[in-house]
Protein backbone atom coordinates (compact mmCIF):
# COMPACT_ATOMS: atom_id res chain seq x y z
CA MET A 1 102.65 120.26 81.22
CA ILE A 2 103.14 119.25 77.62
CA ASN A 3 99.88 118.89 75.72
CA ILE A 4 99.96 115.74 73.61
CA ASP A 5 97.05 114.26 71.69
CA GLU A 6 95.44 111.49 73.78
CA ASN A 7 95.38 109.23 70.71
CA ILE A 8 99.19 109.27 70.74
CA ILE A 9 99.38 108.67 74.49
CA ASP A 10 97.04 105.69 74.10
CA LEU A 11 99.56 104.04 71.76
CA ILE A 12 102.35 104.10 74.37
CA PRO A 13 102.62 100.66 76.06
CA VAL A 14 103.00 102.27 79.50
CA GLY A 15 100.26 103.11 81.99
CA ILE A 16 99.78 106.86 82.27
CA ILE A 17 97.41 108.69 84.58
CA LYS A 18 96.88 112.26 85.64
CA GLY A 19 95.48 112.54 89.13
CA LYS A 20 94.76 115.03 91.86
CA PHE A 21 94.54 114.43 95.59
CA SER A 22 91.23 114.75 97.39
CA ALA A 23 90.58 115.33 101.10
CA ASN A 24 88.37 113.30 103.41
CA ASN A 25 85.75 114.75 105.81
CA HIS A 26 88.52 115.80 108.23
CA LYS A 27 90.29 117.72 105.43
CA GLU A 28 93.09 115.15 105.40
CA VAL A 29 94.46 114.25 101.99
CA ASP A 30 94.10 110.48 101.79
CA ASP A 31 93.02 109.62 98.26
CA PHE A 32 93.28 110.83 94.69
CA VAL A 33 90.89 111.15 91.80
CA VAL A 34 91.94 109.92 88.36
CA LEU A 35 91.52 112.81 85.92
CA TYR A 36 92.90 110.98 82.88
CA ALA A 37 94.05 107.42 82.17
CA ASN A 38 95.44 106.03 78.94
CA HIS A 39 94.16 102.74 77.54
CA TYR A 40 97.16 100.76 78.81
CA MET A 41 96.00 101.51 82.37
CA GLU A 42 93.04 99.20 81.70
CA SER A 43 95.32 96.14 81.69
CA LEU A 44 97.23 97.34 84.76
CA SER A 45 94.21 98.34 86.81
CA GLY A 46 91.56 95.83 85.78
CA HIS A 47 89.12 98.69 85.06
CA LYS A 48 88.02 100.27 81.79
CA LYS A 49 89.31 103.76 81.07
CA ALA A 50 85.79 105.22 81.42
CA LYS A 51 85.50 103.78 84.94
CA LEU A 52 88.99 104.95 86.00
CA GLU A 53 88.44 108.56 85.01
CA GLY A 54 86.52 110.60 87.55
CA ASN A 55 86.80 108.04 90.35
CA THR A 56 89.09 107.92 93.36
CA LEU A 57 91.43 105.09 94.22
CA LYS A 58 89.16 104.13 97.13
CA GLN A 59 86.11 104.02 94.85
CA LEU A 60 87.96 101.80 92.39
CA TYR A 61 89.46 99.54 95.06
CA PRO A 62 87.23 99.71 98.17
CA ASP A 63 88.92 96.70 99.80
CA SER A 64 92.39 98.27 99.59
CA SER A 65 92.12 100.40 102.74
CA GLY A 66 95.57 100.71 104.32
CA SER A 67 97.41 98.75 101.63
CA THR A 68 98.15 101.86 99.56
CA ASP A 69 99.20 104.22 102.38
CA ASP A 70 102.96 104.12 101.71
CA TRP A 71 102.47 104.56 97.97
CA LEU A 72 100.09 107.50 98.48
CA LYS A 73 102.51 109.16 100.94
CA GLN A 74 105.30 109.02 98.37
CA ILE A 75 103.09 110.46 95.63
CA ARG A 76 101.71 113.16 97.96
CA LYS A 77 105.23 114.24 99.02
CA THR A 78 106.34 114.45 95.39
CA VAL A 79 103.28 116.53 94.44
CA MET A 80 103.70 118.89 97.41
CA GLU A 81 107.35 119.46 96.53
CA LYS A 82 106.50 119.80 92.80
CA GLU A 83 109.28 117.46 91.85
CA HIS A 84 109.93 114.34 89.78
CA LYS A 85 110.41 111.04 91.57
CA HIS A 86 110.94 107.49 90.35
CA ILE A 87 109.37 104.75 92.49
CA ASN A 88 109.83 100.98 92.20
CA GLN A 89 107.35 99.26 94.47
CA TYR A 90 105.01 96.29 94.77
CA ILE A 91 101.46 97.67 94.79
CA ASP A 92 98.97 95.31 96.47
CA VAL A 93 95.97 96.90 94.77
CA PHE A 94 97.37 95.99 91.33
CA ASN A 95 99.00 92.75 92.53
CA LYS A 96 102.08 93.86 90.60
CA HIS A 97 105.52 95.33 91.07
CA LEU A 98 105.44 98.71 89.31
CA SER A 99 108.03 101.19 88.20
CA MET A 100 106.48 104.67 88.35
CA ASP A 101 107.55 108.19 87.51
CA ILE A 102 105.61 110.80 89.46
CA ILE A 103 105.77 114.43 88.36
CA GLY A 104 104.19 117.01 90.67
CA GLN A 105 102.50 119.92 88.91
CA ASP A 106 101.95 123.52 90.09
CA ASP A 107 98.18 122.97 90.34
CA GLY A 108 98.61 120.08 92.78
CA SER A 109 98.02 117.39 90.19
CA PHE A 110 100.45 114.72 89.10
């Protein structure tokens, strides 16, 4: 992955996160933890950057159970195949239609 100063990434008017999937008690991958979020993600997510980072999607949106399954499956498949995928989809949790580029990394992050 390209290393770019976070101050530069924060200037880009596009939401950017780096995440990694986490497993539940049954060792099923069903959520991801946000490792990094740029400041623009605050307006998209409704959470401050400091709250986004280090928390899982389910911790951030506890009432979203089931509404993110399709989105998570697409991200998970892209990460497992270590590929780049463009997704246009309405995301209930954000109450927005989003255009996303997912890039799977060798370490299982995206």
